[in-house]
């Protein structure tokens, strides 16, 4: 029998860098101030309307690194989901096209 600690230990782990939705949502909804000289992005992740009371800052290079990590994780998950489909289709005699009997 397995110890209880192993049930919460998944075999598919996500990169913690890719799990930052606050910066992605704040920047995607155009709630930002961008300094072109220092390449510092100031974004407002909370739903505050036009008040913009709480702000967070990130450099453009760090933001791009986080988005690349998110893309890699989504691509890795897509490959994991795609594998069983290919395994089914590669079986001998498997086809996506249904054959009509007698034709």
PDB file of N, CA and C in Angstrom:
ATOM      1  N   UNK A   1       0.834  -1.177   0.000  1.00  0.00           N
ATOM      2  CA  UNK A   1       0.000   0.000   0.000  1.00  0.00           C
ATOM      3  C   UNK A   1       0.881   1.245   0.000  1.00  0.00           C
ATOM      4  N   UNK A   2       0.440   2.292  -0.725  1.00  0.00           N
ATOM      5  CA  UNK A   2       1.221   3.510  -0.846  1.00  0.00           C
ATOM      6  C   UNK A   2       1.043   4.411   0.373  1.00  0.00           C
ATOM      7  N   UNK A   3       2.103   5.104   0.763  1.00  0.00           N
ATOM      8  CA  UNK A   3       1.946   6.118   1.807  1.00  0.00           C
ATOM      9  C   UNK A   3       1.103   7.280   1.276  1.00  0.00           C
ATOM     10  N   UNK A   4       0.399   7.953   2.163  1.00  0.00           N
ATOM     11  CA  UNK A   4      -0.498   9.034   1.742  1.00  0.00           C
ATOM     12  C   UNK A   4       0.237  10.186   1.070  1.00  0.00           C
ATOM     13  N   UNK A   5       1.482  10.383   1.373  1.00  0.00           N
ATOM     14  CA  UNK A   5       2.241  11.478   0.773  1.00  0.00           C
ATOM     15  C   UNK A   5       2.440  11.317  -0.721  1.00  0.00           C
ATOM     16  N   UNK A   6       2.409  10.107  -1.234  1.00  0.00           N
ATOM     17  CA  UNK A   6       2.643   9.884  -2.657  1.00  0.00           C
ATOM     18  C   UNK A   6       1.426  10.220  -3.506  1.00  0.00           C
ATOM     19  N   UNK A   7       0.255  10.306  -2.948  1.00  0.00           N
ATOM     20  CA  UNK A   7      -0.926  10.615  -3.744  1.00  0.00           C
ATOM     21  C   UNK A   7      -0.934  12.066  -4.209  1.00  0.00           C
ATOM     22  N   UNK A   8      -0.316  12.935  -3.452  1.00  0.00           N
ATOM     23  CA  UNK A   8      -0.255  14.341  -3.840  1.00  0.00           C
ATOM     24  C   UNK A   8       1.007  14.667  -4.623  1.00  0.00           C
ATOM     25  N   UNK A   9       1.793  13.688  -4.992  1.00  0.00           N
ATOM     26  CA  UNK A   9       3.029  13.892  -5.733  1.00  0.00           C
ATOM     27  C   UNK A   9       2.807  13.454  -7.183  1.00  0.00           C
ATOM     28  N   UNK A  10       2.400  14.375  -8.074  1.00  0.00           N
ATOM     29  CA  UNK A  10       2.091  13.972  -9.449  1.00  0.00           C
ATOM     30  C   UNK A  10       3.353  13.673 -10.241  1.00  0.00           C
ATOM     31  N   UNK A  11       3.222  12.830 -11.235  1.00  0.00           N
ATOM     32  CA  UNK A  11       4.362  12.520 -12.094  1.00  0.00           C
ATOM     33  C   UNK A  11       4.540  13.581 -13.164  1.00  0.00           C
ATOM     34  N   UNK A  12       3.492  14.355 -13.465  1.00  0.00           N
ATOM     35  CA  UNK A  12       3.584  15.442 -14.437  1.00  0.00           C
ATOM     36  C   UNK A  12       3.674  16.751 -13.670  1.00  0.00           C
ATOM     37  N   UNK A  13       4.864  17.291 -13.555  1.00  0.00           N
ATOM     38  CA  UNK A  13       5.054  18.527 -12.797  1.00  0.00           C
ATOM     39  C   UNK A  13       5.123  19.713 -13.755  1.00  0.00           C
ATOM     40  N   UNK A  14       4.579  20.823 -13.333  1.00  0.00           N
ATOM     41  CA  UNK A  14       4.621  22.051 -14.119  1.00  0.00           C
ATOM     42  C   UNK A  14       5.747  22.942 -13.634  1.00  0.00           C
ATOM     43  N   UNK A  15       6.326  23.663 -14.567  1.00  0.00           N
ATOM     44  CA  UNK A  15       7.376  24.621 -14.245  1.00  0.00           C
ATOM     45  C   UNK A  15       6.759  25.763 -13.441  1.00  0.00           C
ATOM     46  N   UNK A  16       7.266  26.067 -12.250  1.00  0.00           N
ATOM     47  CA  UNK A  16       6.665  27.135 -11.451  1.00  0.00           C
ATOM     48  C   UNK A  16       6.761  28.509 -12.110  1.00  0.00           C
ATOM     49  N   UNK A  17       7.740  28.707 -12.986  1.00  0.00           N
ATOM     50  CA  UNK A  17       7.863  29.983 -13.696  1.00  0.00           C
ATOM     51  C   UNK A  17       6.681  30.179 -14.631  1.00  0.00           C
ATOM     52  N   UNK A  18       6.164  29.078 -15.197  1.00  0.00           N
ATOM     53  CA  UNK A  18       5.070  29.159 -16.163  1.00  0.00           C
ATOM     54  C   UNK A  18       3.710  29.339 -15.505  1.00  0.00           C
ATOM     55  N   UNK A  19       3.634  29.279 -14.203  1.00  0.00           N
ATOM     56  CA  UNK A  19       2.351  29.350 -13.519  1.00  0.00           C
ATOM     57  C   UNK A  19       1.981  30.760 -13.070  1.00  0.00           C
ATOM     58  N   UNK A  20       2.671  31.771 -13.559  1.00  0.00           N
ATOM     59  CA  UNK A  20       2.401  33.146 -13.175  1.00  0.00           C
ATOM     60  C   UNK A  20       1.377  33.751 -14.126  1.00  0.00           C
ATOM     61  N   UNK A  21       0.107  33.752 -13.730  1.00  0.00           N
ATOM     62  CA  UNK A  21      -0.949  34.310 -14.573  1.00  0.00           C
ATOM     63  C   UNK A  21      -1.161  35.796 -14.339  1.00  0.00           C
ATOM     64  N   UNK A  22      -0.707  36.320 -13.216  1.00  0.00           N
ATOM     65  CA  UNK A  22      -0.934  37.732 -12.929  1.00  0.00           C
ATOM     66  C   UNK A  22      -0.253  38.630 -13.948  1.00  0.00           C
ATOM     67  N   UNK A  23       1.005  38.342 -14.263  1.00  0.00           N
ATOM     68  CA  UNK A  23       1.716  39.191 -15.221  1.00  0.00           C
ATOM     69  C   UNK A  23       1.137  39.035 -16.619  1.00  0.00           C
ATOM     70  N   UNK A  24       0.808  37.814 -17.015  1.00  0.00           N
ATOM     71  CA  UNK A  24       0.252  37.596 -18.355  1.00  0.00           C
ATOM     72  C   UNK A  24      -1.082  38.298 -18.504  1.00  0.00           C
ATOM     73  N   UNK A  25      -1.969  38.171 -17.511  1.00  0.00           N
ATOM     74  CA  UNK A  25      -3.277  38.815 -17.593  1.00  0.00           C
ATOM     75  C   UNK A  25      -3.175  40.332 -17.512  1.00  0.00           C
ATOM     76  N   UNK A  26      -2.323  40.829 -16.640  1.00  0.00           N
ATOM     77  CA  UNK A  26      -2.175  42.269 -16.509  1.00  0.00           C
ATOM     78  C   UNK A  26      -1.638  42.917 -17.770  1.00  0.00           C
ATOM     79  N   UNK A  27      -0.682  42.273 -18.409  1.00  0.00           N
ATOM     80  CA  UNK A  27      -0.095  42.831 -19.621  1.00  0.00           C
ATOM     81  C   UNK A  27      -1.018  42.613 -20.814  1.00  0.00           C
ATOM     82  N   UNK A  28      -1.692  41.487 -20.873  1.00  0.00           N
ATOM     83  CA  UNK A  28      -2.571  41.203 -22.006  1.00  0.00           C
ATOM     84  C   UNK A  28      -3.775  42.129 -22.026  1.00  0.00           C
ATOM     85  N   UNK A  29      -4.219  42.611 -20.879  1.00  0.00           N
ATOM     86  CA  UNK A  29      -5.370  43.498 -20.828  1.00  0.00           C
ATOM     87  C   UNK A  29      -4.960  44.965 -20.872  1.00  0.00           C
ATOM     88  N   UNK A  30      -3.731  45.213 -21.322  1.00  0.00           N
ATOM     89  CA  UNK A  30      -3.214  46.564 -21.575  1.00  0.00           C
ATOM     90  C   UNK A  30      -3.261  47.466 -20.352  1.00  0.00           C
ATOM     91  N   UNK A  31      -3.075  46.894 -19.183  1.00  0.00           N
ATOM     92  CA  UNK A  31      -2.989  47.698 -17.969  1.00  0.00           C
ATOM     93  C   UNK A  31      -1.511  47.821 -17.611  1.00  0.00           C
ATOM     94  N   UNK A  32      -0.745  48.508 -18.467  1.00  0.00           N
ATOM     95  CA  UNK A  32       0.702  48.554 -18.297  1.00  0.00           C
ATOM     96  C   UNK A  32       1.233  49.963 -18.508  1.00  0.00           C
ATOM     97  N   UNK A  33       2.425  50.175 -17.993  1.00  0.00           N
ATOM     98  CA  UNK A  33       3.267  51.315 -18.333  1.00  0.00           C
ATOM     99  C   UNK A  33       4.613  50.719 -18.703  1.00  0.00           C
ATOM    100  N   UNK A  34       5.142  51.127 -19.854  1.00  0.00           N
ATOM    101  CA  UNK A  34       6.382  50.538 -20.347  1.00  0.00           C
ATOM    102  C   UNK A  34       7.417  51.634 -20.557  1.00  0.00           C
ATOM    103  N   UNK A  35       8.594  51.452 -19.988  1.00  0.00           N
ATOM    104  CA  UNK A  35       9.703  52.370 -20.161  1.00  0.00           C
ATOM    105  C   UNK A  35      10.640  51.766 -21.200  1.00  0.00           C
ATOM    106  N   UNK A  36      10.744  52.396 -22.351  1.00  0.00           N
ATOM    107  CA  UNK A  36      11.546  51.852 -23.445  1.00  0.00           C
ATOM    108  C   UNK A  36      13.034  51.894 -23.164  1.00  0.00           C
ATOM    109  N   UNK A  37      13.483  52.831 -22.360  1.00  0.00           N
ATOM    110  CA  UNK A  37      14.912  52.958 -22.073  1.00  0.00           C
ATOM    111  C   UNK A  37      15.374  51.838 -21.146  1.00  0.00           C
ATOM    112  N   UNK A  38      14.666  51.651 -20.027  1.00  0.00           N
ATOM    113  CA  UNK A  38      15.063  50.615 -19.075  1.00  0.00           C
ATOM    114  C   UNK A  38      14.419  49.266 -19.372  1.00  0.00           C
ATOM    115  N   UNK A  39      13.443  49.230 -20.286  1.00  0.00           N
ATOM    116  CA  UNK A  39      12.672  48.037 -20.636  1.00  0.00           C
ATOM    117  C   UNK A  39      11.976  47.434 -19.415  1.00  0.00           C
ATOM    118  N   UNK A  40      11.504  48.320 -18.564  1.00  0.00           N
ATOM    119  CA  UNK A  40      10.776  47.887 -17.373  1.00  0.00           C
ATOM    120  C   UNK A  40       9.279  48.009 -17.643  1.00  0.00           C
ATOM    121  N   UNK A  41       8.548  46.931 -17.364  1.00  0.00           N
ATOM    122  CA  UNK A  41       7.102  46.911 -17.519  1.00  0.00           C
ATOM    123  C   UNK A  41       6.489  47.037 -16.132  1.00  0.00           C
ATOM    124  N   UNK A  42       5.629  48.018 -15.958  1.00  0.00           N
ATOM    125  CA  UNK A  42       4.861  48.162 -14.732  1.00  0.00           C
ATOM    126  C   UNK A  42       3.439  47.761 -15.065  1.00  0.00           C
ATOM    127  N   UNK A  43       2.959  46.697 -14.415  1.00  0.00           N
ATOM    128  CA  UNK A  43       1.617  46.202 -14.718  1.00  0.00           C
ATOM    129  C   UNK A  43       0.782  46.165 -13.454  1.00  0.00           C
ATOM    130  N   UNK A  44      -0.524  46.156 -13.668  1.00  0.00           N
ATOM    131  CA  UNK A  44      -1.481  46.220 -12.573  1.00  0.00           C
ATOM    132  C   UNK A  44      -2.354  44.960 -12.654  1.00  0.00           C
ATOM    133  N   UNK A  45      -2.037  43.933 -11.872  1.00  0.00           N
ATOM    134  CA  UNK A  45      -2.690  42.628 -12.040  1.00  0.00           C
ATOM    135  C   UNK A  45      -4.105  42.521 -11.484  1.00  0.00           C
ATOM    136  N   UNK A  46      -4.496  43.378 -10.582  1.00  0.00           N
ATOM    137  CA  UNK A  46      -5.812  43.244  -9.946  1.00  0.00           C
ATOM    138  C   UNK A  46      -6.867  44.009 -10.735  1.00  0.00           C
ATOM    139  N   UNK A  47      -8.111  43.596 -10.564  1.00  0.00           N
ATOM    140  CA  UNK A  47      -9.233  44.258 -11.219  1.00  0.00           C
ATOM    141  C   UNK A  47      -9.625  45.494 -10.426  1.00  0.00           C
ATOM    142  N   UNK A  48      -8.957  46.589 -10.693  1.00  0.00           N
ATOM    143  CA  UNK A  48      -9.214  47.822  -9.958  1.00  0.00           C
ATOM    144  C   UNK A  48      -9.783  48.904 -10.855  1.00  0.00           C
ATOM    145  N   UNK A  49     -10.051  48.585 -12.083  1.00  0.00           N
ATOM    146  CA  UNK A  49     -10.530  49.603 -13.010  1.00  0.00           C
ATOM    147  C   UNK A  49      -9.404  50.560 -13.356  1.00  0.00           C
ATOM    148  N   UNK A  50      -9.694  51.824 -13.323  1.00  0.00           N
ATOM    149  CA  UNK A  50      -8.702  52.835 -13.682  1.00  0.00           C
ATOM    150  C   UNK A  50      -7.883  53.313 -12.483  1.00  0.00           C
ATOM    151  N   UNK A  51      -8.139  52.780 -11.292  1.00  0.00           N
ATOM    152  CA  UNK A  51      -7.441  53.257 -10.102  1.00  0.00           C
ATOM    153  C   UNK A  51      -5.961  52.907 -10.134  1.00  0.00           C
ATOM    154  N   UNK A  52      -5.646  51.701 -10.497  1.00  0.00           N
ATOM    155  CA  UNK A  52      -4.255  51.232 -10.579  1.00  0.00           C
ATOM    156  C   UNK A  52      -3.513  51.446  -9.253  1.00  0.00           C
ATOM    157  N   UNK A  53      -4.075  50.934  -8.187  1.00  0.00           N
ATOM    158  CA  UNK A  53      -3.493  51.133  -6.860  1.00  0.00           C
ATOM    159  C   UNK A  53      -2.302  50.203  -6.615  1.00  0.00           C
ATOM    160  N   UNK A  54      -2.439  48.930  -6.929  1.00  0.00           N
ATOM    161  CA  UNK A  54      -1.347  47.987  -6.670  1.00  0.00           C
ATOM    162  C   UNK A  54      -0.626  47.693  -7.971  1.00  0.00           C
ATOM    163  N   UNK A  55       0.672  47.882  -7.972  1.00  0.00           N
ATOM    164  CA  UNK A  55       1.440  47.657  -9.187  1.00  0.00           C
ATOM    165  C   UNK A  55       2.569  46.673  -8.930  1.00  0.00           C
ATOM    166  N   UNK A  56       2.996  46.025  -9.988  1.00  0.00           N
ATOM    167  CA  UNK A  56       4.154  45.141  -9.949  1.00  0.00           C
ATOM    168  C   UNK A  56       5.021  45.479 -11.143  1.00  0.00           C
ATOM    169  N   UNK A  57       6.310  45.227 -11.009  1.00  0.00           N
ATOM    170  CA  UNK A  57       7.247  45.571 -12.080  1.00  0.00           C
ATOM    171  C   UNK A  57       8.017  44.337 -12.518  1.00  0.00           C
ATOM    172  N   UNK A  58       8.308  44.297 -13.796  1.00  0.00           N
ATOM    173  CA  UNK A  58       9.067  43.195 -14.366  1.00  0.00           C
ATOM    174  C   UNK A  58       9.817  43.738 -15.586  1.00  0.00           C
ATOM    175  N   UNK A  59      10.981  43.204 -15.842  1.00  0.00           N
ATOM    176  CA  UNK A  59      11.712  43.598 -17.040  1.00  0.00           C
ATOM    177  C   UNK A  59      11.207  42.800 -18.235  1.00  0.00           C
ATOM    178  N   UNK A  60      11.354  43.378 -19.406  1.00  0.00           N
ATOM    179  CA  UNK A  60      10.852  42.753 -20.623  1.00  0.00           C
ATOM    180  C   UNK A  60      11.486  41.376 -20.841  1.00  0.00           C
ATOM    181  N   UNK A  61      12.770  41.240 -20.580  1.00  0.00           N
ATOM    182  CA  UNK A  61      13.442  39.957 -20.769  1.00  0.00           C
ATOM    183  C   UNK A  61      12.896  38.888 -19.823  1.00  0.00           C
ATOM    184  N   UNK A  62      12.606  39.259 -18.582  1.00  0.00           N
ATOM    185  CA  UNK A  62      12.012  38.310 -17.636  1.00  0.00           C
ATOM    186  C   UNK A  62      10.613  37.901 -18.073  1.00  0.00           C
ATOM    187  N   UNK A  63       9.850  38.876 -18.583  1.00  0.00           N
ATOM    188  CA  UNK A  63       8.504  38.561 -19.079  1.00  0.00           C
ATOM    189  C   UNK A  63       8.568  37.602 -20.256  1.00  0.00           C
ATOM    190  N   UNK A  64       9.480  37.837 -21.174  1.00  0.00           N
ATOM    191  CA  UNK A  64       9.615  36.947 -22.328  1.00  0.00           C
ATOM    192  C   UNK A  64      10.043  35.545 -21.898  1.00  0.00           C
ATOM    193  N   UNK A  65      10.910  35.453 -20.891  1.00  0.00           N
ATOM    194  CA  UNK A  65      11.325  34.145 -20.380  1.00  0.00           C
ATOM    195  C   UNK A  65      10.148  33.397 -19.776  1.00  0.00           C
ATOM    196  N   UNK A  66       9.286  34.111 -19.046  1.00  0.00           N
ATOM    197  CA  UNK A  66       8.103  33.473 -18.455  1.00  0.00           C
ATOM    198  C   UNK A  66       7.123  33.000 -19.521  1.00  0.00           C
ATOM    199  N   UNK A  67       6.935  33.800 -20.558  1.00  0.00           N
ATOM    200  CA  UNK A  67       6.015  33.401 -21.628  1.00  0.00           C
ATOM    201  C   UNK A  67       6.571  32.213 -22.410  1.00  0.00           C
ATOM    202  N   UNK A  68       7.885  32.155 -22.587  1.00  0.00           N
ATOM    203  CA  UNK A  68       8.497  30.997 -23.249  1.00  0.00           C
ATOM    204  C   UNK A  68       8.329  29.740 -22.398  1.00  0.00           C
ATOM    205  N   UNK A  69       8.482  29.878 -21.088  1.00  0.00           N
ATOM    206  CA  UNK A  69       8.272  28.731 -20.194  1.00  0.00           C
ATOM    207  C   UNK A  69       6.824  28.272 -20.245  1.00  0.00           C
ATOM    208  N   UNK A  70       5.867  29.204 -20.299  1.00  0.00           N
ATOM    209  CA  UNK A  70       4.454  28.851 -20.410  1.00  0.00           C
ATOM    210  C   UNK A  70       4.190  28.136 -21.730  1.00  0.00           C
ATOM    211  N   UNK A  71       4.773  28.628 -22.828  1.00  0.00           N
ATOM    212  CA  UNK A  71       4.605  27.976 -24.124  1.00  0.00           C
ATOM    213  C   UNK A  71       5.157  26.549 -24.093  1.00  0.00           C
ATOM    214  N   UNK A  72       6.307  26.378 -23.482  1.00  0.00           N
ATOM    215  CA  UNK A  72       6.898  25.030 -23.391  1.00  0.00           C
ATOM    216  C   UNK A  72       6.012  24.082 -22.600  1.00  0.00           C
ATOM    217  N   UNK A  73       5.446  24.550 -21.496  1.00  0.00           N
ATOM    218  CA  UNK A  73       4.590  23.690 -20.683  1.00  0.00           C
ATOM    219  C   UNK A  73       3.309  23.323 -21.417  1.00  0.00           C
ATOM    220  N   UNK A  74       2.719  24.283 -22.112  1.00  0.00           N
ATOM    221  CA  UNK A  74       1.498  23.991 -22.867  1.00  0.00           C
ATOM    222  C   UNK A  74       1.813  23.034 -24.011  1.00  0.00           C
ATOM    223  N   UNK A  75       2.946  23.207 -24.667  1.00  0.00           N
ATOM    224  CA  UNK A  75       3.350  22.313 -25.754  1.00  0.00           C
ATOM    225  C   UNK A  75       3.619  20.897 -25.222  1.00  0.00           C
ATOM    226  N   UNK A  76       4.241  20.814 -24.051  1.00  0.00           N
ATOM    227  CA  UNK A  76       4.520  19.502 -23.451  1.00  0.00           C
ATOM    228  C   UNK A  76       3.221  18.794 -23.068  1.00  0.00           C
ATOM    229  N   UNK A  77       2.255  19.539 -22.531  1.00  0.00           N
ATOM    230  CA  UNK A  77       0.962  18.970 -22.189  1.00  0.00           C
ATOM    231  C   UNK A  77       0.207  18.540 -23.451  1.00  0.00           C
ATOM    232  N   UNK A  78       0.313  19.333 -24.507  1.00  0.00           N
ATOM    233  CA  UNK A  78      -0.318  18.973 -25.775  1.00  0.00           C
ATOM    234  C   UNK A  78       0.261  17.662 -26.310  1.00  0.00           C
ATOM    235  N   UNK A  79       1.576  17.507 -26.241  1.00  0.00           N
ATOM    236  CA  UNK A  79       2.195  16.256 -26.693  1.00  0.00           C
ATOM    237  C   UNK A  79       1.728  15.071 -25.864  1.00  0.00           C
ATOM    238  N   UNK A  80       1.566  15.275 -24.563  1.00  0.00           N
ATOM    239  CA  UNK A  80       1.103  14.202 -23.690  1.00  0.00           C
ATOM    240  C   UNK A  80      -0.325  13.780 -24.050  1.00  0.00           C
ATOM    241  N   UNK A  81      -1.174  14.751 -24.349  1.00  0.00           N
ATOM    242  CA  UNK A  81      -2.553  14.443 -24.721  1.00  0.00           C
ATOM    243  C   UNK A  81      -2.612  13.791 -26.095  1.00  0.00           C
ATOM    244  N   UNK A  82      -1.728  14.202 -26.986  1.00  0.00           N
ATOM    245  CA  UNK A  82      -1.719  13.710 -28.355  1.00  0.00           C
ATOM    246  C   UNK A  82      -1.230  12.258 -28.456  1.00  0.00           C
ATOM    247  N   UNK A  83      -0.366  11.836 -27.573  1.00  0.00           N
ATOM    248  CA  UNK A  83       0.234  10.497 -27.655  1.00  0.00           C
ATOM    249  C   UNK A  83      -0.784   9.358 -27.651  1.00  0.00           C
ATOM    250  N   UNK A  84      -1.768   9.323 -26.755  1.00  0.00           N
ATOM    251  CA  UNK A  84      -2.739   8.217 -26.818  1.00  0.00           C
ATOM    252  C   UNK A  84      -3.534   8.197 -28.123  1.00  0.00           C
ATOM    253  N   UNK A  85      -3.825   9.376 -28.680  1.00  0.00           N
ATOM    254  CA  UNK A  85      -4.533   9.413 -29.955  1.00  0.00           C
ATOM    255  C   UNK A  85      -3.715   8.763 -31.057  1.00  0.00           C
ATOM    256  N   UNK A  86      -2.424   9.069 -31.106  1.00  0.00           N
ATOM    257  CA  UNK A  86      -1.572   8.457 -32.117  1.00  0.00           C
ATOM    258  C   UNK A  86      -1.412   6.959 -31.876  1.00  0.00           C
ATOM    259  N   UNK A  87      -1.362   6.559 -30.620  1.00  0.00           N
ATOM    260  CA  UNK A  87      -1.230   5.132 -30.325  1.00  0.00           C
ATOM    261  C   UNK A  87      -2.451   4.366 -30.821  1.00  0.00           C
ATOM    262  N   UNK A  88      -3.629   4.971 -30.696  1.00  0.00           N
ATOM    263  CA  UNK A  88      -4.851   4.325 -31.187  1.00  0.00           C
ATOM    264  C   UNK A  88      -4.842   4.274 -32.710  1.00  0.00           C
ATOM    265  N   UNK A  89      -4.431   5.369 -33.344  1.00  0.00           N
ATOM    266  CA  UNK A  89      -4.456   5.426 -34.804  1.00  0.00           C
ATOM    267  C   UNK A  89      -3.395   4.551 -35.454  1.00  0.00           C
ATOM    268  N   UNK A  90      -2.305   4.271 -34.755  1.00  0.00           N
ATOM    269  CA  UNK A  90      -1.235   3.482 -35.341  1.00  0.00           C
ATOM    270  C   UNK A  90      -1.442   1.981 -35.186  1.00  0.00           C
ATOM    271  N   UNK A  91      -2.532   1.592 -34.530  1.00  0.00           N
ATOM    272  CA  UNK A  91      -2.830   0.167 -34.434  1.00  0.00           C
ATOM    273  C   UNK A  91      -3.105  -0.377 -35.833  1.00  0.00           C
ATOM    274  N   UNK A  92      -2.750  -1.616 -36.085  1.00  0.00           N
ATOM    275  CA  UNK A  92      -3.046  -2.191 -37.393  1.00  0.00           C
ATOM    276  C   UNK A  92      -4.551  -2.200 -37.652  1.00  0.00           C
ATOM    277  N   UNK A  93      -4.958  -1.676 -38.788  1.00  0.00           N
ATOM    278  CA  UNK A  93      -6.356  -1.645 -39.165  1.00  0.00           C
ATOM    279  C   UNK A  93      -7.128  -0.471 -38.628  1.00  0.00           C
ATOM    280  N   UNK A  94      -6.495   0.406 -37.850  1.00  0.00           N
ATOM    281  CA  UNK A  94      -7.191   1.576 -37.304  1.00  0.00           C
ATOM    282  C   UNK A  94      -7.339   2.641 -38.383  1.00  0.00           C
ATOM    283  N   UNK A  95      -8.455   3.337 -38.391  1.00  0.00           N
ATOM    284  CA  UNK A  95      -8.677   4.397 -39.369  1.00  0.00           C
ATOM    285  C   UNK A  95      -9.681   5.386 -38.819  1.00  0.00           C
ATOM    286  N   UNK A  96      -9.511   6.649 -39.212  1.00  0.00           N
ATOM    287  CA  UNK A  96     -10.497   7.665 -38.843  1.00  0.00           C
ATOM    288  C   UNK A  96     -11.699   7.639 -39.769  1.00  0.00           C
ATOM    289  N   UNK A  97     -11.520   7.053 -40.955  1.00  0.00           N
ATOM    290  CA  UNK A  97     -12.594   6.987 -41.940  1.00  0.00           C
ATOM    291  C   UNK A  97     -13.356   5.686 -41.754  1.00  0.00           C
ATOM    292  N   UNK A  98     -14.658   5.810 -41.549  1.00  0.00           N
ATOM    293  CA  UNK A  98     -15.474   4.610 -41.393  1.00  0.00           C
ATOM    294  C   UNK A  98     -15.725   4.000 -42.755  1.00  0.00           C
ATOM    295  N   UNK A  99     -15.513   2.721 -42.838  1.00  0.00           N
ATOM    296  CA  UNK A  99     -15.742   2.015 -44.099  1.00  0.00           C
ATOM    297  C   UNK A  99     -17.159   1.460 -44.115  1.00  0.00           C
ATOM    298  N   UNK A 100     -17.821   1.698 -45.246  1.00  0.00           N
ATOM    299  CA  UNK A 100     -19.176   1.197 -45.411  1.00  0.00           C
ATOM    300  C   UNK A 100     -19.084  -0.260 -45.870  1.00  0.00           C
ATOM    301  N   UNK A 101     -19.769  -1.164 -45.175  1.00  0.00           N
ATOM    302  CA  UNK A 101     -19.695  -2.571 -45.590  1.00  0.00           C
ATOM    303  C   UNK A 101     -20.334  -2.766 -46.973  1.00  0.00           C
ATOM    304  N   UNK A 102     -19.661  -3.591 -47.760  1.00  0.00           N
ATOM    305  CA  UNK A 102     -20.161  -3.947 -49.087  1.00  0.00           C
ATOM    306  C   UNK A 102     -19.771  -2.972 -50.180  1.00  0.00           C
ATOM    307  N   UNK A 103     -18.972  -1.961 -49.873  1.00  0.00           N
ATOM    308  CA  UNK A 103     -18.560  -0.996 -50.914  1.00  0.00           C
ATOM    309  C   UNK A 103     -17.117  -1.224 -51.268  1.00  0.00           C
TER     310      UNK A 103
END
